[in-house]
Structure formats: C-alpha cells, structure tokens
C-alpha cells in the first residue's frame, strides 16, 4: 500500500517554531515516526514537505499517476485560503486526511476555517504528531 504524507509551509521548522504550540520534537522526529509506522503497517509511505503552494499542488497531481492509494496532508497556513490545493485534493479519489498538530478550533479565528478539509474524508487536529499516525491508520483501514 502506497501512502503520501504532505507537509506544507513551516512544518520543516518543527521544534524551532512556536514550541508552546507545536512542541519540541523536530521535523526529523516526525519523519522517523512516520517511517516506523510504515514498517509497522507494511506500507510504502513517502513524506514530502514544501513551503511553496505550487510544489504541493504538483505533488498531489503526481499522486494521481504514481499509484498513491491515500494522502495525509497538513497544508499549514494554506489550510485557510488555498482553494488551489483544495481543488487538487478534490481531483484525487483516494482517501485523504487533513492533519493539524495544534487544536485549530482553540486558536485564532482565521485558523478555525479550513477550505481544504471538505476535499478530505477526515480532519484530525490537536493530537500533536500522533495525529499523523492516526491519519495513517484511518487510511490503512479505508484501503484494506
């Protein structure tokens, strides 16, 4: 089973950026957690990160052709306004889960709105990095 994890802007700054909100574990720790989950589930999980909207859209579109069976995405700030990423996600019929490390419903007003979530089958927020593992579990169940 082939799963793609996409991380948007500033996720590469985990452990550096706003530690009181996003925690002290760095991006390498997140990638390692995902790699362990891949071994545990027997999945091929690819992790992609970009601070650029177009690169994220390009990778979603590539997923249509490369056999990807599920997508986990943390669009970062693009969550709140990128209809282009939303449209790219809506173009792919594989299971998709939107993940947010922090509880976006308990933060600033603009963070409570997700234009990308309606193109996904599930949204997970406020579970820290564990939210990614929950999202992978959800996709594995959907695929099997």
N, C-alpha and C. Protein backbone atom coordinates (compact mmCIF):
# COMPACT_ATOMS: atom_id res chain seq x y z
N UNK A 1 0.85 -1.16 0.00
CA UNK A 1 0.00 0.00 0.00
C UNK A 1 0.90 1.23 0.00
N UNK A 2 0.53 2.20 -0.82
CA UNK A 2 1.36 3.39 -1.01
C UNK A 2 0.60 4.62 -0.48
N UNK A 3 1.21 5.27 0.50
CA UNK A 3 0.61 6.44 1.14
C UNK A 3 1.58 7.61 1.01
N UNK A 4 1.02 8.78 0.77
CA UNK A 4 1.81 10.01 0.66
C UNK A 4 1.46 10.93 1.82
N UNK A 5 2.46 11.42 2.52
CA UNK A 5 2.28 12.41 3.58
C UNK A 5 2.85 13.72 3.06
N UNK A 6 2.01 14.74 3.01
CA UNK A 6 2.40 16.06 2.51
C UNK A 6 2.38 17.05 3.67
N UNK A 7 3.47 17.77 3.83
CA UNK A 7 3.56 18.82 4.84
C UNK A 7 3.80 20.16 4.16
N UNK A 8 3.00 21.12 4.54
CA UNK A 8 3.08 22.45 3.94
C UNK A 8 4.06 23.36 4.65
N UNK A 9 3.86 24.66 4.48
CA UNK A 9 4.82 25.66 4.94
C UNK A 9 5.08 25.61 6.44
N UNK A 10 6.33 25.77 6.76
CA UNK A 10 6.85 25.89 8.12
C UNK A 10 6.86 24.59 8.92
N UNK A 11 6.33 23.50 8.36
CA UNK A 11 6.39 22.24 9.09
C UNK A 11 7.84 21.77 9.24
N UNK A 12 8.70 22.16 8.32
CA UNK A 12 10.12 21.84 8.44
C UNK A 12 10.76 22.55 9.62
N UNK A 13 10.06 23.49 10.23
CA UNK A 13 10.56 24.22 11.39
C UNK A 13 10.00 23.69 12.71
N UNK A 14 9.46 22.47 12.69
CA UNK A 14 9.02 21.86 13.95
C UNK A 14 10.20 21.81 14.91
N UNK A 15 9.92 22.06 16.18
CA UNK A 15 10.98 22.08 17.18
C UNK A 15 11.70 23.40 17.27
N UNK A 16 11.45 24.26 16.31
CA UNK A 16 12.05 25.59 16.28
C UNK A 16 10.96 26.64 16.45
N UNK A 17 9.89 26.47 15.72
CA UNK A 17 8.81 27.45 15.64
C UNK A 17 7.77 27.23 16.75
N UNK A 18 7.46 28.26 17.48
CA UNK A 18 6.39 28.26 18.48
C UNK A 18 6.28 26.93 19.23
N UNK A 19 7.29 26.62 19.99
CA UNK A 19 7.35 25.34 20.70
C UNK A 19 6.17 25.14 21.64
N UNK A 20 5.64 26.22 22.18
CA UNK A 20 4.50 26.12 23.09
C UNK A 20 3.24 25.66 22.36
N UNK A 21 3.20 25.81 21.05
CA UNK A 21 2.06 25.41 20.23
C UNK A 21 2.32 24.07 19.55
N UNK A 22 3.50 23.91 18.96
CA UNK A 22 3.80 22.75 18.12
C UNK A 22 4.71 21.72 18.77
N UNK A 23 5.21 22.00 19.97
CA UNK A 23 6.05 21.06 20.68
C UNK A 23 7.53 21.22 20.36
N UNK A 24 8.32 20.36 20.99
CA UNK A 24 9.77 20.47 20.88
C UNK A 24 10.38 19.43 19.94
N UNK A 25 9.57 18.46 19.50
CA UNK A 25 10.09 17.46 18.57
C UNK A 25 10.29 18.10 17.20
N UNK A 26 11.41 17.78 16.57
CA UNK A 26 11.71 18.41 15.29
C UNK A 26 11.15 17.62 14.11
N UNK A 27 11.34 18.16 12.92
CA UNK A 27 10.79 17.54 11.71
C UNK A 27 11.36 16.14 11.48
N UNK A 28 12.64 15.97 11.77
CA UNK A 28 13.27 14.65 11.61
C UNK A 28 12.57 13.62 12.49
N UNK A 29 12.17 14.02 13.67
CA UNK A 29 11.44 13.13 14.58
C UNK A 29 10.11 12.71 13.96
N UNK A 30 9.40 13.66 13.36
CA UNK A 30 8.14 13.35 12.69
C UNK A 30 8.37 12.35 11.57
N UNK A 31 9.36 12.58 10.76
CA UNK A 31 9.65 11.69 9.63
C UNK A 31 10.00 10.29 10.14
N UNK A 32 10.78 10.21 11.21
CA UNK A 32 11.14 8.92 11.80
C UNK A 32 9.90 8.19 12.30
N UNK A 33 8.99 8.92 12.97
CA UNK A 33 7.74 8.31 13.44
C UNK A 33 6.95 7.71 12.28
N UNK A 34 6.90 8.45 11.19
CA UNK A 34 6.15 8.01 10.01
C UNK A 34 6.83 6.79 9.39
N UNK A 35 8.16 6.79 9.35
CA UNK A 35 8.88 5.64 8.80
C UNK A 35 8.66 4.39 9.64
N UNK A 36 8.62 4.55 10.97
CA UNK A 36 8.32 3.40 11.85
C UNK A 36 6.91 2.89 11.60
N UNK A 37 5.97 3.81 11.37
CA UNK A 37 4.58 3.42 11.09
C UNK A 37 4.51 2.68 9.76
N UNK A 38 5.31 3.09 8.80
CA UNK A 38 5.36 2.41 7.51
C UNK A 38 5.79 0.95 7.70
N UNK A 39 6.82 0.74 8.51
CA UNK A 39 7.29 -0.62 8.77
C UNK A 39 6.21 -1.42 9.50
N UNK A 40 5.59 -0.80 10.48
CA UNK A 40 4.56 -1.47 11.28
C UNK A 40 3.37 -1.91 10.42
N UNK A 41 2.99 -1.08 9.46
CA UNK A 41 1.81 -1.37 8.62
C UNK A 41 2.17 -2.06 7.32
N UNK A 42 3.47 -2.20 7.05
CA UNK A 42 3.89 -2.80 5.78
C UNK A 42 3.58 -1.91 4.58
N UNK A 43 3.58 -0.62 4.82
CA UNK A 43 3.23 0.35 3.78
C UNK A 43 4.46 1.05 3.24
N UNK A 44 4.33 1.52 2.01
CA UNK A 44 5.32 2.41 1.42
C UNK A 44 4.79 3.82 1.67
N UNK A 45 5.39 4.53 2.62
CA UNK A 45 4.92 5.88 2.95
C UNK A 45 6.01 6.86 2.56
N UNK A 46 5.66 7.75 1.65
CA UNK A 46 6.57 8.80 1.21
C UNK A 46 6.19 10.10 1.92
N UNK A 47 7.20 10.84 2.36
CA UNK A 47 6.97 12.12 3.04
C UNK A 47 7.50 13.23 2.16
N UNK A 48 6.67 14.24 1.97
CA UNK A 48 7.03 15.39 1.12
C UNK A 48 6.72 16.66 1.90
N UNK A 49 7.63 17.63 1.86
CA UNK A 49 7.41 18.92 2.50
C UNK A 49 7.80 20.02 1.55
N UNK A 50 6.97 21.06 1.49
CA UNK A 50 7.32 22.24 0.72
C UNK A 50 6.69 23.47 1.34
N UNK A 51 7.39 24.57 1.23
CA UNK A 51 6.87 25.87 1.64
C UNK A 51 6.18 26.58 0.48
N UNK A 52 6.06 25.89 -0.66
CA UNK A 52 5.55 26.50 -1.88
C UNK A 52 4.24 25.83 -2.33
N UNK A 53 3.23 26.63 -2.50
CA UNK A 53 1.90 26.13 -2.87
C UNK A 53 1.93 25.32 -4.17
N UNK A 54 2.59 25.82 -5.17
CA UNK A 54 2.64 25.13 -6.46
C UNK A 54 3.29 23.77 -6.37
N UNK A 55 4.34 23.66 -5.56
CA UNK A 55 5.02 22.37 -5.39
C UNK A 55 4.09 21.36 -4.72
N UNK A 56 3.29 21.82 -3.79
CA UNK A 56 2.33 20.93 -3.12
C UNK A 56 1.28 20.46 -4.11
N UNK A 57 0.79 21.37 -4.92
CA UNK A 57 -0.20 21.01 -5.95
C UNK A 57 0.41 20.03 -6.94
N UNK A 58 1.63 20.30 -7.38
CA UNK A 58 2.30 19.39 -8.31
C UNK A 58 2.41 17.99 -7.71
N UNK A 59 2.75 17.90 -6.41
CA UNK A 59 2.92 16.58 -5.78
C UNK A 59 1.58 15.85 -5.65
N UNK A 60 0.52 16.59 -5.35
CA UNK A 60 -0.81 15.97 -5.30
C UNK A 60 -1.17 15.42 -6.68
N UNK A 61 -0.91 16.19 -7.71
CA UNK A 61 -1.22 15.73 -9.07
C UNK A 61 -0.37 14.53 -9.47
N UNK A 62 0.89 14.50 -9.06
CA UNK A 62 1.75 13.34 -9.33
C UNK A 62 1.17 12.09 -8.67
N UNK A 63 0.57 12.27 -7.50
CA UNK A 63 0.00 11.13 -6.77
C UNK A 63 -1.09 10.43 -7.59
N UNK A 64 -1.75 11.17 -8.43
CA UNK A 64 -2.78 10.59 -9.29
C UNK A 64 -2.18 9.53 -10.21
N UNK A 65 -0.96 9.76 -10.65
CA UNK A 65 -0.32 8.89 -11.64
C UNK A 65 0.64 7.85 -11.05
N UNK A 66 1.09 8.05 -9.81
CA UNK A 66 2.16 7.18 -9.29
C UNK A 66 1.70 6.03 -8.41
N UNK A 67 0.41 5.78 -8.37
CA UNK A 67 -0.10 4.65 -7.61
C UNK A 67 -0.38 4.93 -6.14
N UNK A 68 -0.32 6.18 -5.74
CA UNK A 68 -0.64 6.54 -4.36
C UNK A 68 -2.07 6.12 -4.05
N UNK A 69 -2.24 5.48 -2.89
CA UNK A 69 -3.56 4.96 -2.50
C UNK A 69 -4.21 5.76 -1.38
N UNK A 70 -3.46 6.68 -0.77
CA UNK A 70 -4.00 7.52 0.29
C UNK A 70 -3.07 8.68 0.55
N UNK A 71 -3.66 9.80 0.99
CA UNK A 71 -2.88 11.01 1.25
C UNK A 71 -3.19 11.54 2.64
N UNK A 72 -2.14 11.84 3.39
CA UNK A 72 -2.23 12.58 4.65
C UNK A 72 -1.64 13.93 4.35
N UNK A 73 -2.37 14.99 4.67
CA UNK A 73 -1.86 16.33 4.36
C UNK A 73 -2.03 17.27 5.54
N UNK A 74 -0.96 17.98 5.85
CA UNK A 74 -1.01 19.11 6.76
C UNK A 74 -0.65 20.32 5.89
N UNK A 75 -1.66 21.03 5.39
CA UNK A 75 -1.39 22.14 4.49
C UNK A 75 -0.81 23.38 5.16
N UNK A 76 -0.64 23.33 6.49
CA UNK A 76 -0.15 24.51 7.20
C UNK A 76 -1.10 25.68 6.97
N UNK A 77 -0.55 26.86 6.81
CA UNK A 77 -1.37 28.06 6.62
C UNK A 77 -2.22 28.00 5.35
N UNK A 78 -1.82 27.20 4.37
CA UNK A 78 -2.63 27.07 3.16
C UNK A 78 -4.01 26.49 3.45
N UNK A 79 -4.15 25.84 4.58
CA UNK A 79 -5.44 25.29 5.02
C UNK A 79 -6.54 26.33 4.91
N UNK A 80 -6.21 27.54 5.25
CA UNK A 80 -7.21 28.58 5.45
C UNK A 80 -7.58 29.37 4.21
N UNK A 81 -6.80 29.20 3.13
CA UNK A 81 -7.12 30.02 1.96
C UNK A 81 -6.74 29.43 0.60
N UNK A 82 -6.13 28.26 0.56
CA UNK A 82 -5.69 27.75 -0.73
C UNK A 82 -6.77 26.90 -1.41
N UNK A 83 -7.58 27.57 -2.18
CA UNK A 83 -8.57 26.84 -2.98
C UNK A 83 -7.88 26.03 -4.07
N UNK A 84 -6.67 26.41 -4.44
CA UNK A 84 -5.92 25.66 -5.44
C UNK A 84 -5.53 24.29 -4.88
N UNK A 85 -5.05 24.23 -3.65
CA UNK A 85 -4.74 22.94 -3.03
C UNK A 85 -6.02 22.16 -2.81
N UNK A 86 -7.08 22.82 -2.39
CA UNK A 86 -8.37 22.16 -2.21
C UNK A 86 -8.83 21.50 -3.51
N UNK A 87 -8.72 22.22 -4.60
CA UNK A 87 -9.14 21.68 -5.90
C UNK A 87 -8.27 20.50 -6.32
N UNK A 88 -6.97 20.58 -6.05
CA UNK A 88 -6.07 19.46 -6.38
C UNK A 88 -6.47 18.23 -5.56
N UNK A 89 -6.73 18.41 -4.27
CA UNK A 89 -7.16 17.29 -3.44
C UNK A 89 -8.48 16.70 -3.93
N UNK A 90 -9.40 17.56 -4.32
CA UNK A 90 -10.72 17.10 -4.78
C UNK A 90 -10.61 16.33 -6.09
N UNK A 91 -9.53 16.52 -6.83
CA UNK A 91 -9.34 15.84 -8.11
C UNK A 91 -8.91 14.39 -7.95
N UNK A 92 -8.47 14.03 -6.77
CA UNK A 92 -7.95 12.68 -6.50
C UNK A 92 -8.99 11.93 -5.66
N UNK A 93 -9.32 10.72 -6.05
CA UNK A 93 -10.39 9.99 -5.36
C UNK A 93 -9.90 9.03 -4.28
N UNK A 94 -8.60 9.05 -3.96
CA UNK A 94 -8.09 8.20 -2.88
C UNK A 94 -8.50 8.78 -1.52
N UNK A 95 -8.48 7.97 -0.45
CA UNK A 95 -8.76 8.53 0.88
C UNK A 95 -7.73 9.60 1.23
N UNK A 96 -8.22 10.68 1.82
CA UNK A 96 -7.36 11.81 2.20
C UNK A 96 -7.73 12.24 3.62
N UNK A 97 -6.71 12.53 4.43
CA UNK A 97 -6.93 13.01 5.79
C UNK A 97 -6.12 14.27 6.00
N UNK A 98 -6.80 15.32 6.48
CA UNK A 98 -6.12 16.57 6.83
C UNK A 98 -5.71 16.50 8.30
N UNK A 99 -4.46 16.85 8.59
CA UNK A 99 -3.92 16.79 9.95
C UNK A 99 -3.40 18.15 10.36
N UNK A 100 -3.65 18.48 11.64
CA UNK A 100 -3.06 19.68 12.25
C UNK A 100 -2.55 19.30 13.61
N UNK A 101 -1.34 19.69 13.93
CA UNK A 101 -0.70 19.34 15.19
C UNK A 101 -1.42 20.01 16.35
N UNK A 102 -1.74 21.28 16.20
CA UNK A 102 -2.40 22.03 17.27
C UNK A 102 -3.92 21.92 17.12
N UNK A 103 -4.62 22.35 18.16
CA UNK A 103 -6.08 22.38 18.11
C UNK A 103 -6.49 23.69 17.43
N UNK A 104 -6.73 23.61 16.14
CA UNK A 104 -7.04 24.81 15.36
C UNK A 104 -8.36 25.46 15.79
N UNK A 105 -9.22 24.71 16.46
CA UNK A 105 -10.51 25.27 16.90
C UNK A 105 -10.35 26.13 18.15
N UNK A 106 -9.21 26.04 18.82
CA UNK A 106 -8.99 26.80 20.05
C UNK A 106 -7.98 27.93 19.85
N UNK A 107 -7.70 28.24 18.59
CA UNK A 107 -6.70 29.27 18.30
C UNK A 107 -7.35 30.49 17.64
N UNK A 108 -6.59 31.27 16.91
CA UNK A 108 -7.12 32.48 16.28
C UNK A 108 -8.29 32.13 15.35
N UNK A 109 -9.16 33.10 15.16
CA UNK A 109 -10.37 32.87 14.35
C UNK A 109 -10.05 32.35 12.95
N UNK A 110 -9.03 32.92 12.30
CA UNK A 110 -8.74 32.51 10.93
C UNK A 110 -8.33 31.04 10.84
N UNK A 111 -7.78 30.49 11.92
CA UNK A 111 -7.34 29.08 11.91
C UNK A 111 -8.51 28.10 12.01
N UNK A 112 -9.67 28.59 12.39
CA UNK A 112 -10.84 27.73 12.55
C UNK A 112 -11.49 27.37 11.22
N UNK A 113 -11.08 28.07 10.17
CA UNK A 113 -11.65 27.83 8.84
C UNK A 113 -10.68 27.02 8.00
N UNK A 114 -11.17 25.90 7.46
CA UNK A 114 -10.35 25.10 6.56
C UNK A 114 -11.08 24.99 5.23
N UNK A 115 -10.45 25.49 4.18
CA UNK A 115 -11.03 25.35 2.84
C UNK A 115 -10.63 24.01 2.23
N UNK A 116 -9.61 23.37 2.80
CA UNK A 116 -9.13 22.09 2.26
C UNK A 116 -9.83 20.88 2.87
N UNK A 117 -10.32 20.98 4.10
CA UNK A 117 -10.95 19.84 4.78
C UNK A 117 -12.12 19.23 4.01
N UNK A 118 -12.97 20.03 3.35
CA UNK A 118 -14.08 19.41 2.62
C UNK A 118 -13.65 18.47 1.48
N UNK A 119 -12.39 18.58 1.05
CA UNK A 119 -11.89 17.68 0.00
C UNK A 119 -11.27 16.42 0.60
N UNK A 120 -11.32 16.31 1.93
CA UNK A 120 -10.76 15.16 2.64
C UNK A 120 -11.88 14.37 3.33
N UNK A 121 -11.59 13.12 3.65
CA UNK A 121 -12.61 12.30 4.32
C UNK A 121 -12.59 12.48 5.82
N UNK A 122 -11.53 13.06 6.36
CA UNK A 122 -11.40 13.22 7.80
C UNK A 122 -10.44 14.36 8.08
N UNK A 123 -10.68 15.05 9.21
CA UNK A 123 -9.75 16.07 9.69
C UNK A 123 -9.39 15.71 11.12
N UNK A 124 -8.09 15.67 11.42
CA UNK A 124 -7.60 15.38 12.76
C UNK A 124 -6.81 16.59 13.23
N UNK A 125 -7.11 17.10 14.43
CA UNK A 125 -6.38 18.25 14.95
C UNK A 125 -6.24 18.14 16.46
N UNK A 126 -5.17 18.79 16.96
CA UNK A 126 -4.96 18.84 18.39
C UNK A 126 -4.39 17.59 19.01
N UNK A 127 -3.88 16.68 18.22
CA UNK A 127 -3.33 15.42 18.74
C UNK A 127 -1.81 15.38 18.67
N UNK A 128 -1.19 16.52 18.37
CA UNK A 128 0.25 16.56 18.23
C UNK A 128 0.70 15.73 17.04
N UNK A 129 1.92 15.25 17.09
CA UNK A 129 2.45 14.45 15.98
C UNK A 129 1.71 13.12 15.85
N UNK A 130 1.11 12.65 16.94
CA UNK A 130 0.32 11.41 16.91
C UNK A 130 -0.82 11.48 15.90
N UNK A 131 -1.27 12.68 15.60
CA UNK A 131 -2.34 12.85 14.61
C UNK A 131 -1.97 12.26 13.26
N UNK A 132 -0.70 12.33 12.91
CA UNK A 132 -0.25 11.74 11.64
C UNK A 132 -0.43 10.22 11.66
N UNK A 133 -0.09 9.60 12.79
CA UNK A 133 -0.21 8.15 12.90
C UNK A 133 -1.68 7.74 12.87
N UNK A 134 -2.52 8.53 13.51
CA UNK A 134 -3.97 8.28 13.47
C UNK A 134 -4.48 8.37 12.03
N UNK A 135 -3.99 9.35 11.29
CA UNK A 135 -4.40 9.54 9.90
C UNK A 135 -3.97 8.35 9.05
N UNK A 136 -2.75 7.89 9.26
CA UNK A 136 -2.27 6.72 8.51
C UNK A 136 -3.12 5.50 8.83
N UNK A 137 -3.43 5.30 10.10
CA UNK A 137 -4.30 4.18 10.49
C UNK A 137 -5.65 4.26 9.79
N UNK A 138 -6.21 5.46 9.73
CA UNK A 138 -7.51 5.66 9.06
C UNK A 138 -7.42 5.26 7.58
N UNK A 139 -6.36 5.69 6.94
CA UNK A 139 -6.20 5.38 5.50
C UNK A 139 -5.99 3.89 5.30
N UNK A 140 -5.17 3.27 6.14
CA UNK A 140 -4.93 1.83 6.02
C UNK A 140 -6.26 1.07 6.13
N UNK A 141 -7.10 1.45 7.09
CA UNK A 141 -8.41 0.79 7.25
C UNK A 141 -9.30 1.01 6.02
N UNK A 142 -9.24 2.20 5.45
CA UNK A 142 -10.05 2.51 4.27
C UNK A 142 -9.61 1.69 3.06
N UNK A 143 -8.30 1.51 2.93
CA UNK A 143 -7.77 0.80 1.76
C UNK A 143 -8.00 -0.71 1.87
N UNK A 144 -7.83 -1.24 3.08
CA UNK A 144 -7.93 -2.71 3.26
C UNK A 144 -9.37 -3.22 3.26
